[in-house]
Amino acid sequence: MEFLTALAVGLLFAIGVFQMLRRNVIRSVIGLMILANAVNLFLLSTGAYEGTAAAYTTAVGLRSDALPQALILTAIVISMGGTAFVLAMLYIISARYQTADLDEVNGLKN
């Protein structure tokens, strides 16, 4: 199970970085969101395999570590704010320059 979780985190991280390196702003935003979800899955997996109980356990008598869950909730709120900011910037760029490709935006160079 740990191998599948590590594989999923690595795959999501790689896809997110690949999308963020594109010149299209929309794909960069999607990459940022995928990368944020990869980090959240990584944080969840750190609390899941401590050896006694999973982070999302419902078993009676077993307590899960609440720290990864608190970190994930904080990360979700911060990533939502960051995504809203990037989407606002995307709206301004697309309204002003009529494109989402950063190579075609010449006004940012000066």
N, C-alpha and C. Protein backbone atom coordinates (compact mmCIF):
# COMPACT_ATOMS: atom_id res chain seq x y z
N MET A 1 0.82 -1.19 0.00
CA MET A 1 0.00 0.00 0.00
C MET A 1 0.87 1.26 0.00
N GLU A 2 1.99 1.20 0.74
CA GLU A 2 2.88 2.36 0.75
C GLU A 2 3.45 2.64 -0.62
N PHE A 3 3.74 1.56 -1.36
CA PHE A 3 4.30 1.73 -2.70
C PHE A 3 3.30 2.41 -3.62
N LEU A 4 2.04 2.02 -3.55
CA LEU A 4 1.03 2.64 -4.40
C LEU A 4 0.82 4.11 -4.04
N THR A 5 0.86 4.41 -2.76
CA THR A 5 0.72 5.80 -2.33
C THR A 5 1.90 6.63 -2.81
N ALA A 6 3.11 6.09 -2.66
CA ALA A 6 4.30 6.81 -3.11
C ALA A 6 4.28 6.99 -4.63
N LEU A 7 3.83 5.96 -5.33
CA LEU A 7 3.73 6.06 -6.79
C LEU A 7 2.70 7.12 -7.21
N ALA A 8 1.57 7.16 -6.53
CA ALA A 8 0.54 8.15 -6.85
C ALA A 8 1.03 9.57 -6.55
N VAL A 9 1.71 9.75 -5.42
CA VAL A 9 2.24 11.08 -5.08
C VAL A 9 3.29 11.51 -6.10
N GLY A 10 4.18 10.61 -6.45
CA GLY A 10 5.22 10.93 -7.43
C GLY A 10 4.65 11.23 -8.80
N LEU A 11 3.66 10.46 -9.21
CA LEU A 11 3.03 10.69 -10.51
C LEU A 11 2.30 12.03 -10.55
N LEU A 12 1.54 12.32 -9.49
CA LEU A 12 0.84 13.61 -9.44
C LEU A 12 1.83 14.77 -9.39
N PHE A 13 2.90 14.62 -8.65
CA PHE A 13 3.91 15.67 -8.56
C PHE A 13 4.56 15.90 -9.92
N ALA A 14 4.89 14.82 -10.63
CA ALA A 14 5.52 14.95 -11.95
C ALA A 14 4.57 15.61 -12.95
N ILE A 15 3.31 15.21 -12.92
CA ILE A 15 2.33 15.81 -13.84
C ILE A 15 2.16 17.30 -13.53
N GLY A 16 2.10 17.63 -12.24
CA GLY A 16 1.94 19.04 -11.85
C GLY A 16 3.12 19.89 -12.28
N VAL A 17 4.33 19.40 -12.08
CA VAL A 17 5.52 20.16 -12.49
C VAL A 17 5.58 20.29 -14.00
N PHE A 18 5.25 19.21 -14.72
CA PHE A 18 5.25 19.26 -16.18
C PHE A 18 4.26 20.28 -16.70
N GLN A 19 3.08 20.34 -16.10
CA GLN A 19 2.08 21.31 -16.55
C GLN A 19 2.47 22.74 -16.18
N MET A 20 3.15 22.90 -15.04
CA MET A 20 3.55 24.25 -14.64
C MET A 20 4.65 24.82 -15.52
N LEU A 21 5.42 23.97 -16.18
CA LEU A 21 6.50 24.43 -17.03
C LEU A 21 6.03 24.83 -18.42
N ARG A 22 4.74 24.67 -18.71
CA ARG A 22 4.19 25.05 -20.01
C ARG A 22 4.09 26.56 -20.10
N ARG A 23 3.98 27.08 -21.31
CA ARG A 23 3.87 28.52 -21.53
C ARG A 23 2.43 29.00 -21.46
N ASN A 24 1.48 28.08 -21.45
CA ASN A 24 0.08 28.44 -21.37
C ASN A 24 -0.30 28.63 -19.91
N VAL A 25 -0.94 29.75 -19.61
CA VAL A 25 -1.26 30.08 -18.22
C VAL A 25 -2.32 29.13 -17.66
N ILE A 26 -3.26 28.74 -18.47
CA ILE A 26 -4.32 27.83 -18.01
C ILE A 26 -3.73 26.49 -17.59
N ARG A 27 -2.82 25.96 -18.39
CA ARG A 27 -2.18 24.70 -18.04
C ARG A 27 -1.30 24.85 -16.80
N SER A 28 -0.72 26.01 -16.63
CA SER A 28 0.08 26.26 -15.43
C SER A 28 -0.79 26.26 -14.19
N VAL A 29 -1.98 26.83 -14.29
CA VAL A 29 -2.90 26.84 -13.15
C VAL A 29 -3.34 25.42 -12.82
N ILE A 30 -3.65 24.64 -13.85
CA ILE A 30 -4.04 23.25 -13.63
C ILE A 30 -2.88 22.48 -12.99
N GLY A 31 -1.66 22.73 -13.44
CA GLY A 31 -0.49 22.09 -12.84
C GLY A 31 -0.30 22.47 -11.40
N LEU A 32 -0.57 23.73 -11.08
CA LEU A 32 -0.47 24.18 -9.69
C LEU A 32 -1.48 23.46 -8.81
N MET A 33 -2.69 23.28 -9.32
CA MET A 33 -3.72 22.59 -8.54
C MET A 33 -3.37 21.11 -8.35
N ILE A 34 -2.82 20.47 -9.39
CA ILE A 34 -2.42 19.06 -9.28
C ILE A 34 -1.27 18.93 -8.30
N LEU A 35 -0.34 19.86 -8.34
CA LEU A 35 0.80 19.84 -7.42
C LEU A 35 0.34 20.03 -5.98
N ALA A 36 -0.62 20.91 -5.76
CA ALA A 36 -1.15 21.11 -4.41
C ALA A 36 -1.84 19.85 -3.90
N ASN A 37 -2.55 19.14 -4.78
CA ASN A 37 -3.19 17.90 -4.36
C ASN A 37 -2.16 16.81 -4.09
N ALA A 38 -1.05 16.81 -4.82
CA ALA A 38 0.02 15.84 -4.55
C ALA A 38 0.63 16.08 -3.18
N VAL A 39 0.83 17.33 -2.84
CA VAL A 39 1.37 17.65 -1.51
C VAL A 39 0.39 17.24 -0.42
N ASN A 40 -0.91 17.47 -0.65
CA ASN A 40 -1.92 17.07 0.34
C ASN A 40 -1.94 15.55 0.51
N LEU A 41 -1.82 14.81 -0.57
CA LEU A 41 -1.79 13.35 -0.48
C LEU A 41 -0.54 12.88 0.25
N PHE A 42 0.58 13.58 0.02
CA PHE A 42 1.81 13.24 0.73
C PHE A 42 1.66 13.48 2.23
N LEU A 43 1.06 14.62 2.60
CA LEU A 43 0.85 14.90 4.02
C LEU A 43 -0.09 13.88 4.65
N LEU A 44 -1.11 13.48 3.92
CA LEU A 44 -2.02 12.45 4.45
C LEU A 44 -1.31 11.12 4.63
N SER A 45 -0.43 10.79 3.70
CA SER A 45 0.27 9.50 3.79
C SER A 45 1.29 9.50 4.93
N THR A 46 1.80 10.66 5.33
CA THR A 46 2.74 10.68 6.45
C THR A 46 2.05 10.35 7.76
N GLY A 47 0.79 10.66 7.87
CA GLY A 47 0.07 10.33 9.09
C GLY A 47 -0.62 8.99 9.04
N ALA A 48 -0.66 8.39 7.87
CA ALA A 48 -1.43 7.15 7.72
C ALA A 48 -0.67 5.92 8.14
N TYR A 49 0.63 5.91 8.01
CA TYR A 49 1.38 4.67 8.23
C TYR A 49 2.37 4.83 9.35
N GLU A 50 1.87 5.26 10.49
CA GLU A 50 2.74 5.37 11.65
C GLU A 50 2.99 4.02 12.28
N GLY A 51 2.23 3.05 11.95
CA GLY A 51 2.45 1.71 12.47
C GLY A 51 1.31 1.18 13.30
N THR A 52 0.50 2.06 13.84
CA THR A 52 -0.59 1.57 14.68
C THR A 52 -1.96 1.85 14.07
N ALA A 53 -2.17 3.06 13.61
CA ALA A 53 -3.49 3.41 13.09
C ALA A 53 -3.36 4.34 11.91
N ALA A 54 -4.29 4.21 10.99
CA ALA A 54 -4.31 5.09 9.83
C ALA A 54 -4.86 6.45 10.23
N ALA A 55 -4.56 7.48 9.44
CA ALA A 55 -5.02 8.83 9.75
C ALA A 55 -6.52 8.95 9.62
N TYR A 56 -7.12 8.09 8.84
CA TYR A 56 -8.55 8.16 8.58
C TYR A 56 -9.29 6.96 9.16
N THR A 57 -8.78 6.43 10.27
CA THR A 57 -9.35 5.23 10.85
C THR A 57 -10.65 5.54 11.58
N THR A 58 -11.54 4.55 11.60
CA THR A 58 -12.77 4.65 12.36
C THR A 58 -12.83 3.56 13.41
N ALA A 59 -11.71 2.85 13.61
CA ALA A 59 -11.67 1.75 14.57
C ALA A 59 -11.77 2.30 15.99
N VAL A 60 -12.45 1.54 16.83
CA VAL A 60 -12.66 1.94 18.22
C VAL A 60 -11.37 1.67 19.00
N GLY A 61 -10.94 2.63 19.79
CA GLY A 61 -9.77 2.46 20.62
C GLY A 61 -8.47 2.90 19.97
N LEU A 62 -8.48 3.18 18.69
CA LEU A 62 -7.27 3.64 18.00
C LEU A 62 -7.42 5.11 17.69
N ARG A 63 -6.39 5.85 18.02
CA ARG A 63 -6.40 7.28 17.73
C ARG A 63 -5.46 7.55 16.57
N SER A 64 -5.90 8.39 15.69
CA SER A 64 -5.04 8.76 14.57
C SER A 64 -4.33 10.08 14.89
N ASP A 65 -3.27 10.34 14.17
CA ASP A 65 -2.52 11.57 14.36
C ASP A 65 -3.29 12.71 13.71
N ALA A 66 -3.62 13.71 14.46
CA ALA A 66 -4.42 14.82 13.94
C ALA A 66 -3.59 15.88 13.24
N LEU A 67 -2.28 15.86 13.43
CA LEU A 67 -1.42 16.89 12.83
C LEU A 67 -1.46 16.91 11.30
N PRO A 68 -1.33 15.73 10.61
CA PRO A 68 -1.42 15.78 9.15
C PRO A 68 -2.77 16.28 8.65
N GLN A 69 -3.84 15.94 9.36
CA GLN A 69 -5.15 16.42 8.93
C GLN A 69 -5.25 17.93 9.09
N ALA A 70 -4.70 18.47 10.17
CA ALA A 70 -4.70 19.93 10.35
C ALA A 70 -3.84 20.61 9.29
N LEU A 71 -2.70 20.01 8.97
CA LEU A 71 -1.84 20.58 7.92
C LEU A 71 -2.54 20.57 6.57
N ILE A 72 -3.27 19.50 6.29
CA ILE A 72 -3.97 19.40 5.00
C ILE A 72 -5.08 20.44 4.92
N LEU A 73 -5.81 20.63 6.01
CA LEU A 73 -6.87 21.65 5.99
C LEU A 73 -6.28 23.04 5.77
N THR A 74 -5.15 23.31 6.42
CA THR A 74 -4.48 24.59 6.22
C THR A 74 -3.99 24.72 4.78
N ALA A 75 -3.42 23.65 4.24
CA ALA A 75 -2.92 23.68 2.86
C ALA A 75 -4.05 23.86 1.86
N ILE A 76 -5.20 23.27 2.14
CA ILE A 76 -6.35 23.43 1.24
C ILE A 76 -6.80 24.89 1.20
N VAL A 77 -6.86 25.52 2.36
CA VAL A 77 -7.29 26.92 2.41
C VAL A 77 -6.28 27.82 1.70
N ILE A 78 -5.00 27.59 1.96
CA ILE A 78 -3.97 28.42 1.32
C ILE A 78 -3.94 28.19 -0.19
N SER A 79 -4.06 26.95 -0.63
CA SER A 79 -4.04 26.69 -2.07
C SER A 79 -5.28 27.25 -2.75
N MET A 80 -6.42 27.27 -2.04
CA MET A 80 -7.62 27.86 -2.63
C MET A 80 -7.43 29.37 -2.81
N GLY A 81 -6.82 30.03 -1.84
CA GLY A 81 -6.53 31.45 -1.98
C GLY A 81 -5.54 31.73 -3.10
N GLY A 82 -4.50 30.91 -3.17
CA GLY A 82 -3.51 31.06 -4.25
C GLY A 82 -4.11 30.82 -5.61
N THR A 83 -4.98 29.82 -5.72
CA THR A 83 -5.63 29.53 -6.99
C THR A 83 -6.56 30.67 -7.39
N ALA A 84 -7.26 31.24 -6.43
CA ALA A 84 -8.14 32.38 -6.74
C ALA A 84 -7.32 33.57 -7.24
N PHE A 85 -6.17 33.81 -6.63
CA PHE A 85 -5.30 34.90 -7.08
C PHE A 85 -4.79 34.65 -8.50
N VAL A 86 -4.36 33.43 -8.78
CA VAL A 86 -3.84 33.11 -10.12
C VAL A 86 -4.96 33.20 -11.16
N LEU A 87 -6.16 32.76 -10.81
CA LEU A 87 -7.27 32.86 -11.74
C LEU A 87 -7.63 34.32 -12.01
N ALA A 88 -7.53 35.18 -11.00
CA ALA A 88 -7.78 36.61 -11.21
C ALA A 88 -6.73 37.20 -12.15
N MET A 89 -5.47 36.81 -11.95
CA MET A 89 -4.40 37.27 -12.85
C MET A 89 -4.62 36.76 -14.27
N LEU A 90 -5.07 35.50 -14.38
CA LEU A 90 -5.36 34.93 -15.70
C LEU A 90 -6.47 35.72 -16.39
N TYR A 91 -7.48 36.10 -15.64
CA TYR A 91 -8.58 36.88 -16.20
C TYR A 91 -8.08 38.24 -16.71
N ILE A 92 -7.23 38.88 -15.94
CA ILE A 92 -6.70 40.19 -16.35
C ILE A 92 -5.84 40.04 -17.60
N ILE A 93 -4.99 39.02 -17.62
CA ILE A 93 -4.12 38.80 -18.79
C ILE A 93 -4.94 38.49 -20.03
N SER A 94 -5.94 37.62 -19.89
CA SER A 94 -6.74 37.26 -21.06
C SER A 94 -7.62 38.42 -21.53
N ALA A 95 -8.08 39.27 -20.62
CA ALA A 95 -8.90 40.42 -21.03
C ALA A 95 -8.04 41.50 -21.68
N ARG A 96 -6.83 41.69 -21.18
CA ARG A 96 -5.98 42.75 -21.70
C ARG A 96 -5.28 42.35 -23.00
N TYR A 97 -4.79 41.11 -23.08
CA TYR A 97 -3.98 40.71 -24.23
C TYR A 97 -4.68 39.74 -25.16
N GLN A 98 -5.87 39.30 -24.82
CA GLN A 98 -6.68 38.38 -25.63
C GLN A 98 -5.96 37.06 -25.89
N THR A 99 -5.16 36.59 -24.96
CA THR A 99 -4.48 35.32 -25.11
C THR A 99 -4.14 34.76 -23.73
N ALA A 100 -3.87 33.46 -23.70
CA ALA A 100 -3.41 32.81 -22.46
C ALA A 100 -1.98 32.32 -22.61
N ASP A 101 -1.37 32.56 -23.79
CA ASP A 101 0.00 32.13 -24.03
C ASP A 101 0.97 33.23 -23.58
N LEU A 102 1.91 32.87 -22.72
CA LEU A 102 2.82 33.87 -22.17
C LEU A 102 3.82 34.38 -23.21
N ASP A 103 4.04 33.61 -24.29
CA ASP A 103 4.95 34.08 -25.33
C ASP A 103 4.34 35.23 -26.12
N GLU A 104 3.03 35.31 -26.17
CA GLU A 104 2.35 36.36 -26.93
C GLU A 104 2.10 37.61 -26.12
N VAL A 105 2.37 37.56 -24.83
CA VAL A 105 2.18 38.73 -23.98
C VAL A 105 3.49 39.51 -23.97
N ASN A 106 3.48 40.66 -24.62
CA ASN A 106 4.71 41.45 -24.72
C ASN A 106 4.76 42.59 -23.71
N GLY A 107 3.64 42.95 -23.11
CA GLY A 107 3.60 44.07 -22.20
C GLY A 107 4.27 43.82 -20.88
N LEU A 108 4.51 42.57 -20.51
CA LEU A 108 5.12 42.25 -19.22
C LEU A 108 6.64 42.37 -19.26
N LYS A 109 7.22 42.48 -20.45
CA LYS A 109 8.68 42.54 -20.55
C LYS A 109 9.22 43.91 -20.19
N ASN A 110 8.45 44.96 -20.38
CA ASN A 110 8.93 46.32 -20.12
C ASN A 110 8.54 46.79 -18.73
